[in-house]
Structures are given as structure tokens and as C-alpha cells.
PDB file of N, CA and C in Angstrom:
ATOM      1  N   MET A   1     -73.092  53.752 -94.905  1.00  0.00           N
ATOM      2  CA  MET A   1     -72.024  53.431 -95.824  1.00  0.00           C
ATOM      3  C   MET A   1     -70.672  53.812 -95.237  1.00  0.00           C
ATOM      4  N   SER A   2     -70.590  54.930 -94.544  1.00  0.00           N
ATOM      5  CA  SER A   2     -69.306  55.363 -93.990  1.00  0.00           C
ATOM      6  C   SER A   2     -68.870  54.454 -92.839  1.00  0.00           C
ATOM      7  N   ILE A   3     -69.825  53.876 -92.110  1.00  0.00           N
ATOM      8  CA  ILE A   3     -69.479  52.942 -91.038  1.00  0.00           C
ATOM      9  C   ILE A   3     -68.865  51.680 -91.641  1.00  0.00           C
ATOM     10  N   PHE A   4     -69.446  51.210 -92.745  1.00  0.00           N
ATOM     11  CA  PHE A   4     -68.904  50.039 -93.418  1.00  0.00           C
ATOM     12  C   PHE A   4     -67.482  50.309 -93.917  1.00  0.00           C
ATOM     13  N   ALA A   5     -67.254  51.473 -94.471  1.00  0.00           N
ATOM     14  CA  ALA A   5     -65.923  51.836 -94.961  1.00  0.00           C
ATOM     15  C   ALA A   5     -64.923  51.920 -93.806  1.00  0.00           C
ATOM     16  N   ALA A   6     -65.357  52.479 -92.663  1.00  0.00           N
ATOM     17  CA  ALA A   6     -64.471  52.583 -91.508  1.00  0.00           C
ATOM     18  C   ALA A   6     -64.115  51.211 -90.946  1.00  0.00           C
ATOM     19  N   VAL A   7     -65.098  50.327 -90.878  1.00  0.00           N
ATOM     20  CA  VAL A   7     -64.845  48.963 -90.384  1.00  0.00           C
ATOM     21  C   VAL A   7     -63.918  48.219 -91.354  1.00  0.00           C
ATOM     22  N   ALA A   8     -64.182  48.348 -92.646  1.00  0.00           N
ATOM     23  CA  ALA A   8     -63.345  47.685 -93.645  1.00  0.00           C
ATOM     24  C   ALA A   8     -61.913  48.206 -93.572  1.00  0.00           C
ATOM     25  N   MET A   9     -61.761  49.513 -93.458  1.00  0.00           N
ATOM     26  CA  MET A   9     -60.424  50.106 -93.367  1.00  0.00           C
ATOM     27  C   MET A   9     -59.709  49.652 -92.100  1.00  0.00           C
ATOM     28  N   SER A  10     -60.430  49.557 -90.988  1.00  0.00           N
ATOM     29  CA  SER A  10     -59.846  49.096 -89.727  1.00  0.00           C
ATOM     30  C   SER A  10     -59.370  47.658 -89.845  1.00  0.00           C
ATOM     31  N   LEU A  11     -60.184  46.797 -90.472  1.00  0.00           N
ATOM     32  CA  LEU A  11     -59.788  45.401 -90.659  1.00  0.00           C
ATOM     33  C   LEU A  11     -58.574  45.276 -91.566  1.00  0.00           C
ATOM     34  N   ILE A  12     -58.543  46.058 -92.620  1.00  0.00           N
ATOM     35  CA  ILE A  12     -57.398  46.037 -93.532  1.00  0.00           C
ATOM     36  C   ILE A  12     -56.134  46.498 -92.824  1.00  0.00           C
ATOM     37  N   LEU A  13     -56.227  47.573 -92.059  1.00  0.00           N
ATOM     38  CA  LEU A  13     -55.064  48.062 -91.316  1.00  0.00           C
ATOM     39  C   LEU A  13     -54.612  47.057 -90.264  1.00  0.00           C
ATOM     40  N   PHE A  14     -55.559  46.453 -89.577  1.00  0.00           N
ATOM     41  CA  PHE A  14     -55.224  45.450 -88.564  1.00  0.00           C
ATOM     42  C   PHE A  14     -54.485  44.274 -89.209  1.00  0.00           C
ATOM     43  N   ALA A  15     -54.998  43.805 -90.324  1.00  0.00           N
ATOM     44  CA  ALA A  15     -54.357  42.685 -91.019  1.00  0.00           C
ATOM     45  C   ALA A  15     -52.974  43.072 -91.522  1.00  0.00           C
ATOM     46  N   TYR A  16     -52.831  44.283 -92.033  1.00  0.00           N
ATOM     47  CA  TYR A  16     -51.544  44.748 -92.549  1.00  0.00           C
ATOM     48  C   TYR A  16     -50.505  44.836 -91.435  1.00  0.00           C
ATOM     49  N   ILE A  17     -50.894  45.348 -90.291  1.00  0.00           N
ATOM     50  CA  ILE A  17     -49.964  45.533 -89.187  1.00  0.00           C
ATOM     51  C   ILE A  17     -49.570  44.210 -88.552  1.00  0.00           C
ATOM     52  N   PHE A  18     -50.506  43.331 -88.339  1.00  0.00           N
ATOM     53  CA  PHE A  18     -50.251  42.120 -87.581  1.00  0.00           C
ATOM     54  C   PHE A  18     -50.081  40.856 -88.424  1.00  0.00           C
ATOM     55  N   TRP A  19     -50.068  40.957 -89.744  1.00  0.00           N
ATOM     56  CA  TRP A  19     -49.907  39.786 -90.579  1.00  0.00           C
ATOM     57  C   TRP A  19     -48.468  39.290 -90.467  1.00  0.00           C
ATOM     58  N   PRO A  20     -48.292  38.041 -90.116  1.00  0.00           N
ATOM     59  CA  PRO A  20     -46.917  37.543 -89.961  1.00  0.00           C
ATOM     60  C   PRO A  20     -46.228  37.410 -91.318  1.00  0.00           C
ATOM     61  N   GLU A  21     -44.983  37.890 -91.375  1.00  0.00           N
ATOM     62  CA  GLU A  21     -44.238  37.804 -92.623  1.00  0.00           C
ATOM     63  C   GLU A  21     -43.725  36.390 -92.862  1.00  0.00           C
ATOM     64  N   ARG A  22     -43.431  35.702 -91.783  1.00  0.00           N
ATOM     65  CA  ARG A  22     -42.977  34.321 -91.876  1.00  0.00           C
ATOM     66  C   ARG A  22     -43.425  33.595 -90.626  1.00  0.00           C
ATOM     67  N   ASN A  23     -43.122  32.372 -90.531  1.00  0.00           N
ATOM     68  CA  ASN A  23     -43.537  31.578 -89.382  1.00  0.00           C
ATOM     69  C   ASN A  23     -42.849  32.098 -88.113  1.00  0.00           C
ATOM     70  N   PRO A  24     -43.609  32.609 -87.141  1.00  0.00           N
ATOM     71  CA  PRO A  24     -42.973  33.174 -85.947  1.00  0.00           C
ATOM     72  C   PRO A  24     -42.382  32.118 -85.020  1.00  0.00           C
ATOM     73  N   PHE A  25     -42.713  30.855 -85.253  1.00  0.00           N
ATOM     74  CA  PHE A  25     -42.216  29.804 -84.379  1.00  0.00           C
ATOM     75  C   PHE A  25     -40.869  29.256 -84.838  1.00  0.00           C
ATOM     76  N   VAL A  26     -40.446  29.666 -86.016  1.00  0.00           N
ATOM     77  CA  VAL A  26     -39.156  29.231 -86.532  1.00  0.00           C
ATOM     78  C   VAL A  26     -38.180  30.385 -86.351  1.00  0.00           C
ATOM     79  N   GLN A  27     -37.141  30.150 -85.573  1.00  0.00           N
ATOM     80  CA  GLN A  27     -36.144  31.185 -85.347  1.00  0.00           C
ATOM     81  C   GLN A  27     -34.916  30.897 -86.198  1.00  0.00           C
ATOM     82  N   ALA A  28     -34.223  31.954 -86.532  1.00  0.00           N
ATOM     83  CA  ALA A  28     -32.993  31.785 -87.288  1.00  0.00           C
ATOM     84  C   ALA A  28     -31.944  31.132 -86.396  1.00  0.00           C
ATOM     85  N   ASP A  29     -31.266  30.165 -86.960  1.00  0.00           N
ATOM     86  CA  ASP A  29     -30.225  29.486 -86.199  1.00  0.00           C
ATOM     87  C   ASP A  29     -28.978  30.350 -86.164  1.00  0.00           C
ATOM     88  N   LYS A  30     -28.476  30.560 -84.966  1.00  0.00           N
ATOM     89  CA  LYS A  30     -27.240  31.304 -84.809  1.00  0.00           C
ATOM     90  C   LYS A  30     -26.094  30.317 -84.694  1.00  0.00           C
ATOM     91  N   THR A  31     -25.018  30.672 -85.320  1.00  0.00           N
ATOM     92  CA  THR A  31     -23.827  29.858 -85.168  1.00  0.00           C
ATOM     93  C   THR A  31     -23.098  30.311 -83.906  1.00  0.00           C
ATOM     94  N   ARG A  32     -22.141  29.526 -83.493  1.00  0.00           N
ATOM     95  CA  ARG A  32     -21.332  29.890 -82.322  1.00  0.00           C
ATOM     96  C   ARG A  32     -20.575  31.190 -82.583  1.00  0.00           C
ATOM     97  N   VAL A  33     -20.139  31.386 -83.818  1.00  0.00           N
ATOM     98  CA  VAL A  33     -19.421  32.616 -84.165  1.00  0.00           C
ATOM     99  C   VAL A  33     -20.345  33.822 -84.035  1.00  0.00           C
ATOM    100  N   ASP A  34     -21.599  33.683 -84.464  1.00  0.00           N
ATOM    101  CA  ASP A  34     -22.563  34.782 -84.316  1.00  0.00           C
ATOM    102  C   ASP A  34     -22.728  35.160 -82.850  1.00  0.00           C
ATOM    103  N   TYR A  35     -22.895  34.137 -82.024  1.00  0.00           N
ATOM    104  CA  TYR A  35     -23.041  34.381 -80.589  1.00  0.00           C
ATOM    105  C   TYR A  35     -21.804  35.079 -80.033  1.00  0.00           C
ATOM    106  N   LEU A  36     -20.628  34.630 -80.410  1.00  0.00           N
ATOM    107  CA  LEU A  36     -19.392  35.224 -79.891  1.00  0.00           C
ATOM    108  C   LEU A  36     -19.206  36.657 -80.373  1.00  0.00           C
ATOM    109  N   LEU A  37     -19.584  36.935 -81.609  1.00  0.00           N
ATOM    110  CA  LEU A  37     -19.488  38.310 -82.110  1.00  0.00           C
ATOM    111  C   LEU A  37     -20.417  39.241 -81.333  1.00  0.00           C
ATOM    112  N   GLU A  38     -21.617  38.769 -81.037  1.00  0.00           N
ATOM    113  CA  GLU A  38     -22.531  39.568 -80.220  1.00  0.00           C
ATOM    114  C   GLU A  38     -21.971  39.766 -78.818  1.00  0.00           C
ATOM    115  N   ARG A  39     -21.393  38.710 -78.253  1.00  0.00           N
ATOM    116  CA  ARG A  39     -20.811  38.796 -76.908  1.00  0.00           C
ATOM    117  C   ARG A  39     -19.643  39.775 -76.887  1.00  0.00           C
ATOM    118  N   LYS A  40     -18.826  39.770 -77.933  1.00  0.00           N
ATOM    119  CA  LYS A  40     -17.698  40.705 -78.034  1.00  0.00           C
ATOM    120  C   LYS A  40     -18.200  42.145 -78.048  1.00  0.00           C
ATOM    121  N   ASP A  41     -19.262  42.399 -78.814  1.00  0.00           N
ATOM    122  CA  ASP A  41     -19.832  43.747 -78.860  1.00  0.00           C
ATOM    123  C   ASP A  41     -20.325  44.188 -77.483  1.00  0.00           C
ATOM    124  N   VAL A  42     -20.951  43.276 -76.747  1.00  0.00           N
ATOM    125  CA  VAL A  42     -21.453  43.597 -75.406  1.00  0.00           C
ATOM    126  C   VAL A  42     -20.295  43.892 -74.457  1.00  0.00           C
ATOM    127  N   ILE A  43     -19.240  43.113 -74.549  1.00  0.00           N
ATOM    128  CA  ILE A  43     -18.081  43.329 -73.671  1.00  0.00           C
ATOM    129  C   ILE A  43     -17.456  44.687 -73.960  1.00  0.00           C
ATOM    130  N   TYR A  44     -17.286  45.024 -75.237  1.00  0.00           N
ATOM    131  CA  TYR A  44     -16.714  46.333 -75.580  1.00  0.00           C
ATOM    132  C   TYR A  44     -17.600  47.475 -75.080  1.00  0.00           C
ATOM    133  N   GLU A  45     -18.901  47.303 -75.201  1.00  0.00           N
ATOM    134  CA  GLU A  45     -19.823  48.324 -74.694  1.00  0.00           C
ATOM    135  C   GLU A  45     -19.692  48.456 -73.178  1.00  0.00           C
ATOM    136  N   ASN A  46     -19.559  47.322 -72.490  1.00  0.00           N
ATOM    137  CA  ASN A  46     -19.371  47.366 -71.035  1.00  0.00           C
ATOM    138  C   ASN A  46     -18.064  48.050 -70.660  1.00  0.00           C
ATOM    139  N   LEU A  47     -17.011  47.831 -71.435  1.00  0.00           N
ATOM    140  CA  LEU A  47     -15.744  48.514 -71.173  1.00  0.00           C
ATOM    141  C   LEU A  47     -15.877  50.026 -71.352  1.00  0.00           C
ATOM    142  N   ARG A  48     -16.586  50.436 -72.386  1.00  0.00           N
ATOM    143  CA  ARG A  48     -16.809  51.882 -72.594  1.00  0.00           C
ATOM    144  C   ARG A  48     -17.613  52.478 -71.439  1.00  0.00           C
ATOM    145  N   ASP A  49     -18.669  51.772 -71.031  1.00  0.00           N
ATOM    146  CA  ASP A  49     -19.494  52.255 -69.919  1.00  0.00           C
ATOM    147  C   ASP A  49     -18.688  52.331 -68.624  1.00  0.00           C
ATOM    148  N   LEU A  50     -17.868  51.307 -68.381  1.00  0.00           N
ATOM    149  CA  LEU A  50     -17.046  51.284 -67.175  1.00  0.00           C
ATOM    150  C   LEU A  50     -16.071  52.452 -67.173  1.00  0.00           C
ATOM    151  N   SER A  51     -15.446  52.713 -68.302  1.00  0.00           N
ATOM    152  CA  SER A  51     -14.510  53.827 -68.399  1.00  0.00           C
ATOM    153  C   SER A  51     -15.211  55.162 -68.160  1.00  0.00           C
ATOM    154  N   PHE A  52     -16.391  55.319 -68.751  1.00  0.00           N
ATOM    155  CA  PHE A  52     -17.148  56.560 -68.565  1.00  0.00           C
ATOM    156  C   PHE A  52     -17.528  56.755 -67.097  1.00  0.00           C
ATOM    157  N   GLU A  53     -18.013  55.694 -66.469  1.00  0.00           N
ATOM    158  CA  GLU A  53     -18.429  55.808 -65.073  1.00  0.00           C
ATOM    159  C   GLU A  53     -17.236  56.034 -64.142  1.00  0.00           C
ATOM    160  N   PHE A  54     -16.084  55.468 -64.468  1.00  0.00           N
ATOM    161  CA  PHE A  54     -14.886  55.725 -63.670  1.00  0.00           C
ATOM    162  C   PHE A  54     -14.473  57.187 -63.791  1.00  0.00           C
ATOM    163  N   GLN A  55     -14.509  57.718 -65.009  1.00  0.00           N
ATOM    164  CA  GLN A  55     -14.149  59.122 -65.215  1.00  0.00           C
ATOM    165  C   GLN A  55     -15.153  60.058 -64.552  1.00  0.00           C
ATOM    166  N   ALA A  56     -16.392  59.580 -64.369  1.00  0.00           N
ATOM    167  CA  ALA A  56     -17.408  60.383 -63.692  1.00  0.00           C
ATOM    168  C   ALA A  56     -17.270  60.293 -62.173  1.00  0.00           C
ATOM    169  N   GLY A  57     -16.362  59.437 -61.701  1.00  0.00           N
ATOM    170  CA  GLY A  57     -16.116  59.336 -60.269  1.00  0.00           C
ATOM    171  C   GLY A  57     -16.998  58.339 -59.540  1.00  0.00           C
ATOM    172  N   LYS A  58     -17.602  57.418 -60.266  1.00  0.00           N
ATOM    173  CA  LYS A  58     -18.504  56.466 -59.620  1.00  0.00           C
ATOM    174  C   LYS A  58     -17.784  55.233 -59.082  1.00  0.00           C
ATOM    175  N   TYR A  59     -16.546  54.987 -59.537  1.00  0.00           N
ATOM    176  CA  TYR A  59     -15.792  53.815 -59.098  1.00  0.00           C
ATOM    177  C   TYR A  59     -14.448  54.242 -58.523  1.00  0.00           C
ATOM    178  N   PRO A  60     -14.014  53.608 -57.444  1.00  0.00           N
ATOM    179  CA  PRO A  60     -12.639  53.823 -56.984  1.00  0.00           C
ATOM    180  C   PRO A  60     -11.665  53.111 -57.924  1.00  0.00           C
ATOM    181  N   GLN A  61     -10.415  53.526 -57.887  1.00  0.00           N
ATOM    182  CA  GLN A  61      -9.402  52.995 -58.798  1.00  0.00           C
ATOM    183  C   GLN A  61      -9.286  51.472 -58.714  1.00  0.00           C
ATOM    184  N   ALA A  62      -9.282  50.911 -57.513  1.00  0.00           N
ATOM    185  CA  ALA A  62      -9.100  49.463 -57.353  1.00  0.00           C
ATOM    186  C   ALA A  62     -10.255  48.686 -57.993  1.00  0.00           C
ATOM    187  N   ASP A  63     -11.488  49.136 -57.789  1.00  0.00           N
ATOM    188  CA  ASP A  63     -12.646  48.460 -58.387  1.00  0.00           C
ATOM    189  C   ASP A  63     -12.621  48.577 -59.908  1.00  0.00           C
ATOM    190  N   TYR A  64     -12.266  49.757 -60.381  1.00  0.00           N
ATOM    191  CA  TYR A  64     -12.185  49.982 -61.823  1.00  0.00           C
ATOM    192  C   TYR A  64     -11.151  49.046 -62.453  1.00  0.00           C
ATOM    193  N   ASP A  65      -9.958  48.980 -61.845  1.00  0.00           N
ATOM    194  CA  ASP A  65      -8.912  48.116 -62.386  1.00  0.00           C
ATOM    195  C   ASP A  65      -9.329  46.654 -62.395  1.00  0.00           C
ATOM    196  N   ARG A  66      -9.969  46.206 -61.334  1.00  0.00           N
ATOM    197  CA  ARG A  66     -10.385  44.808 -61.242  1.00  0.00           C
ATOM    198  C   ARG A  66     -11.452  44.486 -62.298  1.00  0.00           C
ATOM    199  N   GLN A  67     -12.442  45.345 -62.433  1.00  0.00           N
ATOM    200  CA  GLN A  67     -13.508  45.096 -63.411  1.00  0.00           C
ATOM    201  C   GLN A  67     -12.978  45.208 -64.844  1.00  0.00           C
ATOM    202  N   ARG A  68     -12.101  46.175 -65.081  1.00  0.00           N
ATOM    203  CA  ARG A  68     -11.532  46.344 -66.418  1.00  0.00           C
ATOM    204  C   ARG A  68     -10.712  45.120 -66.809  1.00  0.00           C
ATOM    205  N   MET A  69      -9.895  44.619 -65.893  1.00  0.00           N
ATOM    206  CA  MET A  69      -9.094  43.430 -66.186  1.00  0.00           C
ATOM    207  C   MET A  69      -9.982  42.214 -66.439  1.00  0.00           C
ATOM    208  N   SER A  70     -11.063  42.090 -65.687  1.00  0.00           N
ATOM    209  CA  SER A  70     -11.987  40.981 -65.878  1.00  0.00           C
ATOM    210  C   SER A  70     -12.630  41.049 -67.262  1.00  0.00           C
ATOM    211  N   LEU A  71     -13.080  42.228 -67.664  1.00  0.00           N
ATOM    212  CA  LEU A  71     -13.698  42.385 -68.981  1.00  0.00           C
ATOM    213  C   LEU A  71     -12.689  42.181 -70.102  1.00  0.00           C
ATOM    214  N   GLU A  72     -11.465  42.665 -69.912  1.00  0.00           N
ATOM    215  CA  GLU A  72     -10.437  42.482 -70.928  1.00  0.00           C
ATOM    216  C   GLU A  72     -10.063  41.007 -71.080  1.00  0.00           C
ATOM    217  N   ASP A  73      -9.994  40.282 -69.967  1.00  0.00           N
ATOM    218  CA  ASP A  73      -9.708  38.845 -70.033  1.00  0.00           C
ATOM    219  C   ASP A  73     -10.822  38.104 -70.774  1.00  0.00           C
ATOM    220  N   GLU A  74     -12.067  38.468 -70.469  1.00  0.00           N
ATOM    221  CA  GLU A  74     -13.196  37.833 -71.148  1.00  0.00           C
ATOM    222  C   GLU A  74     -13.176  38.150 -72.644  1.00  0.00           C
ATOM    223  N   ALA A  75     -12.853  39.403 -72.989  1.00  0.00           N
ATOM    224  CA  ALA A  75     -12.773  39.787 -74.402  1.00  0.00           C
ATOM    225  C   ALA A  75     -11.680  38.992 -75.110  1.00  0.00           C
ATOM    226  N   ALA A  76     -10.562  38.802 -74.451  1.00  0.00           N
ATOM    227  CA  ALA A  76      -9.471  38.041 -75.060  1.00  0.00           C
ATOM    228  C   ALA A  76      -9.886  36.593 -75.318  1.00  0.00           C
ATOM    229  N   LEU A  77     -10.602  35.999 -74.375  1.00  0.00           N
ATOM    230  CA  LEU A  77     -11.076  34.625 -74.574  1.00  0.00           C
ATOM    231  C   LEU A  77     -12.058  34.536 -75.735  1.00  0.00           C
ATOM    232  N   VAL A  78     -12.963  35.484 -75.800  1.00  0.00           N
ATOM    233  CA  VAL A  78     -13.965  35.485 -76.874  1.00  0.00           C
ATOM    234  C   VAL A  78     -13.288  35.671 -78.220  1.00  0.00           C
ATOM    235  N   ILE A  79     -12.366  36.604 -78.306  1.00  0.00           N
ATOM    236  CA  ILE A  79     -11.682  36.859 -79.579  1.00  0.00           C
ATOM    237  C   ILE A  79     -10.855  35.649 -80.003  1.00  0.00           C
ATOM    238  N   SER A  80     -10.185  35.018 -79.051  1.00  0.00           N
ATOM    239  CA  SER A  80      -9.385  33.845 -79.419  1.00  0.00           C
ATOM    240  C   SER A  80     -10.283  32.704 -79.899  1.00  0.00           C
ATOM    241  N   GLU A  81     -11.451  32.547 -79.300  1.00  0.00           N
ATOM    242  CA  GLU A  81     -12.362  31.505 -79.761  1.00  0.00           C
ATOM    243  C   GLU A  81     -12.920  31.838 -81.145  1.00  0.00           C
ATOM    244  N   ILE A  82     -13.212  33.109 -81.395  1.00  0.00           N
ATOM    245  CA  ILE A  82     -13.679  33.516 -82.727  1.00  0.00           C
ATOM    246  C   ILE A  82     -12.613  33.194 -83.764  1.00  0.00           C
ATOM    247  N   GLU A  83     -11.359  33.529 -83.460  1.00  0.00           N
ATOM    248  CA  GLU A  83     -10.272  33.270 -84.403  1.00  0.00           C
ATOM    249  C   GLU A  83     -10.086  31.772 -84.635  1.00  0.00           C
ATOM    250  N   ALA A  84     -10.205  30.981 -83.568  1.00  0.00           N
ATOM    251  CA  ALA A  84     -10.054  29.531 -83.721  1.00  0.00           C
ATOM    252  C   ALA A  84     -11.168  28.950 -84.587  1.00  0.00           C
ATOM    253  N   LEU A  85     -12.392  29.414 -84.369  1.00  0.00           N
ATOM    254  CA  LEU A  85     -13.513  28.901 -85.157  1.00  0.00           C
ATOM    255  C   LEU A  85     -13.427  29.335 -86.609  1.00  0.00           C
ATOM    256  N   THR A  86     -13.039  30.572 -86.861  1.00  0.00           N
ATOM    257  CA  THR A  86     -12.933  31.037 -88.250  1.00  0.00           C
ATOM    258  C   THR A  86     -11.762  30.352 -88.956  1.00  0.00           C
ATOM    259  N   ALA A  87     -10.708  29.998 -88.209  1.00  0.00           N
ATOM    260  CA  ALA A  87      -9.592  29.277 -88.816  1.00  0.00           C
ATOM    261  C   ALA A  87     -10.020  27.877 -89.245  1.00  0.00           C
ATOM    262  N   ARG A  88     -10.986  27.297 -88.548  1.00  0.00           N
ATOM    263  CA  ARG A  88     -11.504  25.976 -88.904  1.00  0.00           C
ATOM    264  C   ARG A  88     -12.588  26.057 -89.970  1.00  0.00           C
ATOM    265  N   GLY A  89     -12.908  27.253 -90.414  1.00  0.00           N
ATOM    266  CA  GLY A  89     -13.879  27.406 -91.485  1.00  0.00           C
ATOM    267  C   GLY A  89     -15.292  27.690 -91.027  1.00  0.00           C
ATOM    268  N   MET A  90     -15.515  27.826 -89.734  1.00  0.00           N
ATOM    269  CA  MET A  90     -16.849  28.154 -89.237  1.00  0.00           C
ATOM    270  C   MET A  90     -17.013  29.669 -89.291  1.00  0.00           C
ATOM    271  N   VAL A  91     -17.965  30.108 -90.066  1.00  0.00           N
ATOM    272  CA  VAL A  91     -18.175  31.537 -90.238  1.00  0.00           C
ATOM    273  C   VAL A  91     -19.607  31.856 -89.886  1.00  0.00           C
ATOM    274  N   GLY A  92     -19.798  32.973 -89.200  1.00  0.00           N
ATOM    275  CA  GLY A  92     -21.147  33.425 -88.876  1.00  0.00           C
ATOM    276  C   GLY A  92     -21.769  34.143 -90.039  1.00  0.00           C
ATOM    277  N   ARG A  93     -22.983  34.573 -89.861  1.00  0.00           N
ATOM    278  CA  ARG A  93     -23.692  35.304 -90.908  1.00  0.00           C
ATOM    279  C   ARG A  93     -23.286  36.764 -90.948  1.00  0.00           C
ATOM    280  N   ARG A  94     -22.792  37.283 -89.805  1.00  0.00           N
ATOM    281  CA  ARG A  94     -22.342  38.677 -89.778  1.00  0.00           C
ATOM    282  C   ARG A  94     -20.955  38.778 -90.366  1.00  0.00           C
ATOM    283  N   GLN A  95     -20.572  39.988 -90.693  1.00  0.00           N
ATOM    284  CA  GLN A  95     -19.206  40.220 -91.178  1.00  0.00           C
ATOM    285  C   GLN A  95     -18.244  40.096 -90.006  1.00  0.00           C
ATOM    286  N   VAL A  96     -17.171  39.385 -90.189  1.00  0.00           N
ATOM    287  CA  VAL A  96     -16.172  39.189 -89.122  1.00  0.00           C
ATOM    288  C   VAL A  96     -15.199  40.311 -89.113  1.00  0.00           C
TER     289      VAL A  96
END
């Protein structure tokens, strides 16, 4: 009887853990604004990491300046595109 209970409990736990909540083949559609907001977050994180590594002495000044300017230019492009899209009424699912 205890073996039957253990097998039943194992099957129930297996089903509970691996039961799909929704169709795994259908992905949520991201808008362009959603993608740009995620990209902006990544760029800001890269800027923080670059600053930390420069302060730790891992980059010479010239390399740091070049990479920082490149990331800042990319951030400016992303932000301007986000503003243009939101001005046209395209809004992502995340808070802007």
C-alpha cells in the first residue's frame, strides 16, 4: 500500500511541476517599444559595468572614453526612437 501511495504522490508531483500553464508554442508578442525599453536597460547596465571596470583599472582612459561615447550614442538613438514611437501612439506593455 505504501508503494502505491509513493507512486501516486510522485505522479501527482510530476504533473504539478511540469503541467503547462498555457500553450508553450505561443509566445507573447513584443512591440518595438518593448524591445527598445529592454535594449535601453541593457545599455545602461553596460555603462555601469564599463564605469566600474574603468575605476577598477581594467581599461585605459582612451578605450574607456571610446566605449562610453559609443554606448551613450546608442542610448540616445534608442531613447529618441522610443519617444518617436510613443508620440505616434505606439505603447509597449511595460511602463514607459
